Amino acid sequence: MKMIMAILNAEDAPIVIRNLMKNKFSITKLATQGGFLRTGNVTIMSGVDDDRLDEALAIIKENSHSRKQMIAPTAEPGLSFYPTMPIEVIVGGATIFVLPIERFEKV
């Protein structure tokens, strides 16, 4: 058994969750925040049998898409406040961790 931890863009999360649940994967959803852009993310955790791991990963990959977005840079307190131009960054997609599970209990 494996534990999938996937950090998703908040826009991608609903369709990923819907498709995982439609395919009978149980998930736990956590609201998280990214450190770089400080935008909302969703982290999902799912315990998956080894023989279904590739299926779950394919669902996450098929439904998580990266895209370009313009953001306004923010100045940190103490730094000089010069007007800055918005910058283009790539957001979305998924960061996926697959961890071995030594023991699983459902009570």
N, C-alpha and C. Protein backbone atom coordinates (compact mmCIF):
# COMPACT_ATOMS: atom_id res chain seq x y z
N MET A 1 0.85 -1.18 0.00
CA MET A 1 0.00 0.00 0.00
C MET A 1 0.89 1.23 0.00
N LYS A 2 0.41 2.28 -0.66
CA LYS A 2 1.14 3.55 -0.75
C LYS A 2 0.23 4.69 -0.31
N MET A 3 0.85 5.78 0.14
CA MET A 3 0.13 7.01 0.45
C MET A 3 0.51 8.03 -0.61
N ILE A 4 -0.50 8.53 -1.30
CA ILE A 4 -0.28 9.61 -2.27
C ILE A 4 -0.59 10.92 -1.56
N MET A 5 0.35 11.84 -1.60
CA MET A 5 0.12 13.21 -1.15
C MET A 5 0.32 14.08 -2.38
N ALA A 6 -0.73 14.75 -2.81
CA ALA A 6 -0.66 15.58 -4.01
C ALA A 6 -1.06 17.00 -3.65
N ILE A 7 -0.19 17.94 -3.98
CA ILE A 7 -0.47 19.35 -3.75
C ILE A 7 -0.95 19.91 -5.08
N LEU A 8 -2.20 20.40 -5.07
CA LEU A 8 -2.87 20.84 -6.29
C LEU A 8 -3.20 22.32 -6.22
N ASN A 9 -3.26 22.95 -7.38
CA ASN A 9 -3.78 24.30 -7.48
C ASN A 9 -5.27 24.25 -7.12
N ALA A 10 -5.76 25.25 -6.41
CA ALA A 10 -7.15 25.26 -5.97
C ALA A 10 -8.14 25.15 -7.13
N GLU A 11 -7.76 25.64 -8.31
CA GLU A 11 -8.64 25.54 -9.47
C GLU A 11 -8.73 24.11 -10.01
N ASP A 12 -7.65 23.35 -9.89
CA ASP A 12 -7.63 21.98 -10.40
C ASP A 12 -8.22 20.97 -9.43
N ALA A 13 -8.21 21.29 -8.14
CA ALA A 13 -8.58 20.33 -7.11
C ALA A 13 -9.98 19.73 -7.27
N PRO A 14 -11.03 20.51 -7.53
CA PRO A 14 -12.37 19.90 -7.59
C PRO A 14 -12.50 18.79 -8.64
N ILE A 15 -11.93 18.98 -9.81
CA ILE A 15 -12.05 17.95 -10.85
C ILE A 15 -11.19 16.73 -10.53
N VAL A 16 -10.01 16.96 -9.93
CA VAL A 16 -9.17 15.83 -9.53
C VAL A 16 -9.90 15.01 -8.47
N ILE A 17 -10.43 15.67 -7.46
CA ILE A 17 -11.15 14.98 -6.38
C ILE A 17 -12.36 14.23 -6.93
N ARG A 18 -13.13 14.89 -7.78
CA ARG A 18 -14.33 14.26 -8.35
C ARG A 18 -13.96 12.98 -9.12
N ASN A 19 -12.90 13.04 -9.93
CA ASN A 19 -12.52 11.88 -10.73
C ASN A 19 -11.90 10.77 -9.88
N LEU A 20 -11.17 11.12 -8.84
CA LEU A 20 -10.65 10.09 -7.94
C LEU A 20 -11.80 9.37 -7.23
N MET A 21 -12.75 10.14 -6.73
CA MET A 21 -13.88 9.54 -6.01
C MET A 21 -14.76 8.72 -6.95
N LYS A 22 -14.93 9.19 -8.18
CA LYS A 22 -15.72 8.45 -9.17
C LYS A 22 -15.10 7.08 -9.44
N ASN A 23 -13.78 6.99 -9.31
CA ASN A 23 -13.06 5.74 -9.53
C ASN A 23 -12.80 4.98 -8.23
N LYS A 24 -13.56 5.33 -7.18
CA LYS A 24 -13.55 4.61 -5.90
C LYS A 24 -12.26 4.74 -5.10
N PHE A 25 -11.59 5.90 -5.23
CA PHE A 25 -10.45 6.19 -4.37
C PHE A 25 -10.94 7.06 -3.22
N SER A 26 -10.56 6.70 -2.00
CA SER A 26 -10.89 7.53 -0.84
C SER A 26 -9.82 8.60 -0.70
N ILE A 27 -10.25 9.80 -0.36
CA ILE A 27 -9.29 10.89 -0.22
C ILE A 27 -9.59 11.70 1.03
N THR A 28 -8.56 12.36 1.52
CA THR A 28 -8.69 13.37 2.56
C THR A 28 -8.16 14.66 1.97
N LYS A 29 -8.93 15.73 2.10
CA LYS A 29 -8.59 17.01 1.50
C LYS A 29 -8.18 17.99 2.60
N LEU A 30 -7.06 18.66 2.38
CA LEU A 30 -6.55 19.67 3.30
C LEU A 30 -6.38 20.98 2.56
N ALA A 31 -6.84 22.08 3.15
CA ALA A 31 -6.61 23.39 2.57
C ALA A 31 -5.21 23.82 2.96
N THR A 32 -4.39 24.18 1.98
CA THR A 32 -3.01 24.58 2.24
C THR A 32 -2.70 25.87 1.48
N GLN A 33 -1.56 26.44 1.78
CA GLN A 33 -1.16 27.68 1.11
C GLN A 33 0.27 27.56 0.65
N GLY A 34 0.50 27.97 -0.59
CA GLY A 34 1.85 27.91 -1.14
C GLY A 34 2.75 28.97 -0.52
N GLY A 35 4.02 28.68 -0.44
CA GLY A 35 4.97 29.61 0.16
C GLY A 35 5.44 30.70 -0.78
N PHE A 36 5.56 30.39 -2.07
CA PHE A 36 6.10 31.36 -3.01
C PHE A 36 5.06 32.41 -3.40
N LEU A 37 3.92 31.96 -3.92
CA LEU A 37 2.89 32.91 -4.36
C LEU A 37 1.88 33.22 -3.27
N ARG A 38 1.92 32.47 -2.19
CA ARG A 38 0.98 32.61 -1.07
C ARG A 38 -0.47 32.50 -1.54
N THR A 39 -0.70 31.61 -2.48
CA THR A 39 -2.05 31.38 -2.98
C THR A 39 -2.58 30.07 -2.43
N GLY A 40 -3.89 29.92 -2.49
CA GLY A 40 -4.52 28.72 -1.97
C GLY A 40 -4.21 27.48 -2.79
N ASN A 41 -3.89 26.43 -2.10
CA ASN A 41 -3.68 25.13 -2.71
C ASN A 41 -4.60 24.15 -2.00
N VAL A 42 -4.68 22.97 -2.54
CA VAL A 42 -5.36 21.88 -1.87
C VAL A 42 -4.39 20.71 -1.86
N THR A 43 -4.21 20.11 -0.70
CA THR A 43 -3.40 18.91 -0.59
C THR A 43 -4.34 17.75 -0.36
N ILE A 44 -4.23 16.73 -1.20
CA ILE A 44 -5.05 15.54 -0.99
C ILE A 44 -4.15 14.39 -0.59
N MET A 45 -4.69 13.56 0.29
CA MET A 45 -3.99 12.35 0.71
C MET A 45 -4.90 11.17 0.41
N SER A 46 -4.30 10.11 -0.10
CA SER A 46 -5.07 8.93 -0.43
C SER A 46 -4.22 7.69 -0.23
N GLY A 47 -4.75 6.75 0.54
CA GLY A 47 -4.12 5.44 0.67
C GLY A 47 -4.54 4.58 -0.50
N VAL A 48 -3.58 4.04 -1.22
CA VAL A 48 -3.88 3.33 -2.47
C VAL A 48 -3.17 1.98 -2.47
N ASP A 49 -3.88 0.94 -2.86
CA ASP A 49 -3.25 -0.37 -3.03
C ASP A 49 -2.22 -0.28 -4.15
N ASP A 50 -1.15 -1.04 -4.01
CA ASP A 50 -0.05 -0.99 -4.99
C ASP A 50 -0.52 -1.21 -6.42
N ASP A 51 -1.48 -2.11 -6.62
CA ASP A 51 -1.93 -2.42 -7.97
C ASP A 51 -2.78 -1.32 -8.60
N ARG A 52 -3.21 -0.31 -7.81
CA ARG A 52 -4.00 0.80 -8.35
C ARG A 52 -3.25 2.13 -8.33
N LEU A 53 -1.98 2.09 -7.93
CA LEU A 53 -1.20 3.32 -7.81
C LEU A 53 -1.10 4.06 -9.14
N ASP A 54 -0.76 3.37 -10.21
CA ASP A 54 -0.61 4.02 -11.52
C ASP A 54 -1.93 4.63 -11.99
N GLU A 55 -3.04 3.98 -11.70
CA GLU A 55 -4.36 4.50 -12.08
C GLU A 55 -4.64 5.82 -11.36
N ALA A 56 -4.37 5.88 -10.05
CA ALA A 56 -4.60 7.11 -9.30
C ALA A 56 -3.69 8.23 -9.78
N LEU A 57 -2.43 7.92 -10.02
CA LEU A 57 -1.50 8.94 -10.50
C LEU A 57 -1.91 9.47 -11.87
N ALA A 58 -2.41 8.60 -12.73
CA ALA A 58 -2.86 9.03 -14.07
C ALA A 58 -4.03 10.00 -13.95
N ILE A 59 -4.95 9.73 -13.03
CA ILE A 59 -6.11 10.62 -12.84
C ILE A 59 -5.64 12.00 -12.39
N ILE A 60 -4.70 12.03 -11.46
CA ILE A 60 -4.18 13.31 -10.98
C ILE A 60 -3.49 14.07 -12.11
N LYS A 61 -2.64 13.37 -12.86
CA LYS A 61 -1.89 14.02 -13.94
C LYS A 61 -2.81 14.51 -15.06
N GLU A 62 -3.84 13.74 -15.39
CA GLU A 62 -4.75 14.13 -16.48
C GLU A 62 -5.59 15.35 -16.13
N ASN A 63 -5.80 15.60 -14.84
CA ASN A 63 -6.72 16.66 -14.43
C ASN A 63 -6.03 17.84 -13.74
N SER A 64 -4.71 17.86 -13.75
CA SER A 64 -3.94 18.98 -13.17
C SER A 64 -3.13 19.61 -14.29
N HIS A 65 -3.41 20.86 -14.56
CA HIS A 65 -2.76 21.51 -15.70
C HIS A 65 -2.03 22.77 -15.25
N SER A 66 -0.81 22.93 -15.72
CA SER A 66 -0.10 24.17 -15.43
C SER A 66 -0.51 25.22 -16.45
N ARG A 67 -0.47 26.45 -16.02
CA ARG A 67 -0.85 27.57 -16.88
C ARG A 67 -0.09 28.81 -16.44
N LYS A 68 0.00 29.78 -17.32
CA LYS A 68 0.69 31.03 -17.02
C LYS A 68 -0.30 32.00 -16.39
N GLN A 69 0.21 32.77 -15.42
CA GLN A 69 -0.64 33.74 -14.74
C GLN A 69 0.20 34.96 -14.42
N MET A 70 -0.39 36.12 -14.53
CA MET A 70 0.31 37.36 -14.19
C MET A 70 0.06 37.65 -12.71
N ILE A 71 1.13 37.96 -11.98
CA ILE A 71 0.98 38.33 -10.57
C ILE A 71 1.68 39.65 -10.33
N ALA A 72 1.17 40.38 -9.35
CA ALA A 72 1.81 41.63 -8.96
C ALA A 72 2.77 41.32 -7.83
N PRO A 73 4.05 41.62 -8.03
CA PRO A 73 5.02 41.38 -6.96
C PRO A 73 4.70 42.24 -5.75
N THR A 74 4.97 41.73 -4.57
CA THR A 74 4.73 42.50 -3.35
C THR A 74 6.07 42.86 -2.75
N ALA A 75 6.13 44.01 -2.13
CA ALA A 75 7.36 44.45 -1.48
C ALA A 75 7.30 44.05 -0.01
N GLU A 76 8.42 43.65 0.51
CA GLU A 76 8.53 43.28 1.92
C GLU A 76 8.73 44.55 2.75
N PRO A 77 8.18 44.58 3.96
CA PRO A 77 8.43 45.75 4.82
C PRO A 77 9.93 45.95 5.03
N GLY A 78 10.33 47.21 5.04
CA GLY A 78 11.75 47.52 5.24
C GLY A 78 12.50 47.71 3.93
N LEU A 79 11.93 47.24 2.84
CA LEU A 79 12.58 47.44 1.55
C LEU A 79 12.00 48.69 0.91
N SER A 80 12.74 49.28 0.00
CA SER A 80 12.20 50.45 -0.67
C SER A 80 11.02 50.05 -1.55
N PHE A 81 10.04 50.87 -1.64
CA PHE A 81 8.81 50.56 -2.37
C PHE A 81 8.84 51.22 -3.75
N TYR A 82 9.42 50.52 -4.71
CA TYR A 82 9.44 50.99 -6.08
C TYR A 82 8.29 50.35 -6.83
N PRO A 83 7.64 51.10 -7.71
CA PRO A 83 6.58 50.46 -8.50
C PRO A 83 7.18 49.35 -9.35
N THR A 84 6.52 48.24 -9.41
CA THR A 84 7.03 47.11 -10.17
C THR A 84 5.97 46.65 -11.16
N MET A 85 6.43 46.03 -12.20
CA MET A 85 5.54 45.50 -13.23
C MET A 85 5.10 44.10 -12.83
N PRO A 86 3.89 43.72 -13.20
CA PRO A 86 3.47 42.34 -12.94
C PRO A 86 4.41 41.37 -13.66
N ILE A 87 4.57 40.21 -13.08
CA ILE A 87 5.41 39.19 -13.70
C ILE A 87 4.58 37.96 -14.03
N GLU A 88 5.03 37.25 -15.02
CA GLU A 88 4.33 36.05 -15.46
C GLU A 88 4.97 34.83 -14.78
N VAL A 89 4.12 34.01 -14.15
CA VAL A 89 4.60 32.79 -13.51
C VAL A 89 3.75 31.62 -13.97
N ILE A 90 4.29 30.43 -13.82
CA ILE A 90 3.53 29.23 -14.15
C ILE A 90 2.93 28.69 -12.86
N VAL A 91 1.60 28.51 -12.88
CA VAL A 91 0.88 27.97 -11.72
C VAL A 91 0.14 26.71 -12.15
N GLY A 92 -0.35 26.00 -11.17
CA GLY A 92 -1.13 24.80 -11.46
C GLY A 92 -0.25 23.58 -11.53
N GLY A 93 -0.79 22.55 -12.12
CA GLY A 93 -0.09 21.29 -12.13
C GLY A 93 -0.22 20.63 -10.77
N ALA A 94 0.59 19.66 -10.50
CA ALA A 94 0.54 18.97 -9.22
C ALA A 94 1.95 18.61 -8.78
N THR A 95 2.16 18.65 -7.49
CA THR A 95 3.37 18.11 -6.88
C THR A 95 2.93 16.87 -6.13
N ILE A 96 3.48 15.72 -6.51
CA ILE A 96 2.98 14.45 -5.99
C ILE A 96 4.10 13.72 -5.24
N PHE A 97 3.76 13.27 -4.05
CA PHE A 97 4.66 12.43 -3.25
C PHE A 97 4.00 11.07 -3.10
N VAL A 98 4.76 10.00 -3.26
CA VAL A 98 4.25 8.65 -3.04
C VAL A 98 5.10 8.05 -1.92
N LEU A 99 4.43 7.68 -0.82
CA LEU A 99 5.12 7.19 0.36
C LEU A 99 4.70 5.76 0.67
N PRO A 100 5.63 4.93 1.14
CA PRO A 100 5.25 3.57 1.52
C PRO A 100 4.45 3.60 2.83
N ILE A 101 3.48 2.72 2.94
CA ILE A 101 2.67 2.60 4.16
C ILE A 101 3.06 1.30 4.85
N GLU A 102 3.51 1.43 6.08
CA GLU A 102 3.89 0.24 6.85
C GLU A 102 2.66 -0.43 7.45
N ARG A 103 1.69 0.39 7.86
CA ARG A 103 0.50 -0.15 8.50
C ARG A 103 -0.68 0.75 8.24
N PHE A 104 -1.86 0.16 8.03
CA PHE A 104 -3.08 0.92 7.79
C PHE A 104 -4.19 0.34 8.64
N GLU A 105 -4.89 1.20 9.37
CA GLU A 105 -6.05 0.79 10.17
C GLU A 105 -7.15 1.80 9.96
N LYS A 106 -8.36 1.31 9.87
CA LYS A 106 -9.52 2.18 9.78
C LYS A 106 -10.43 1.83 10.95
N VAL A 107 -10.61 2.78 11.86
CA VAL A 107 -11.41 2.53 13.07
C VAL A 107 -12.65 3.39 13.10
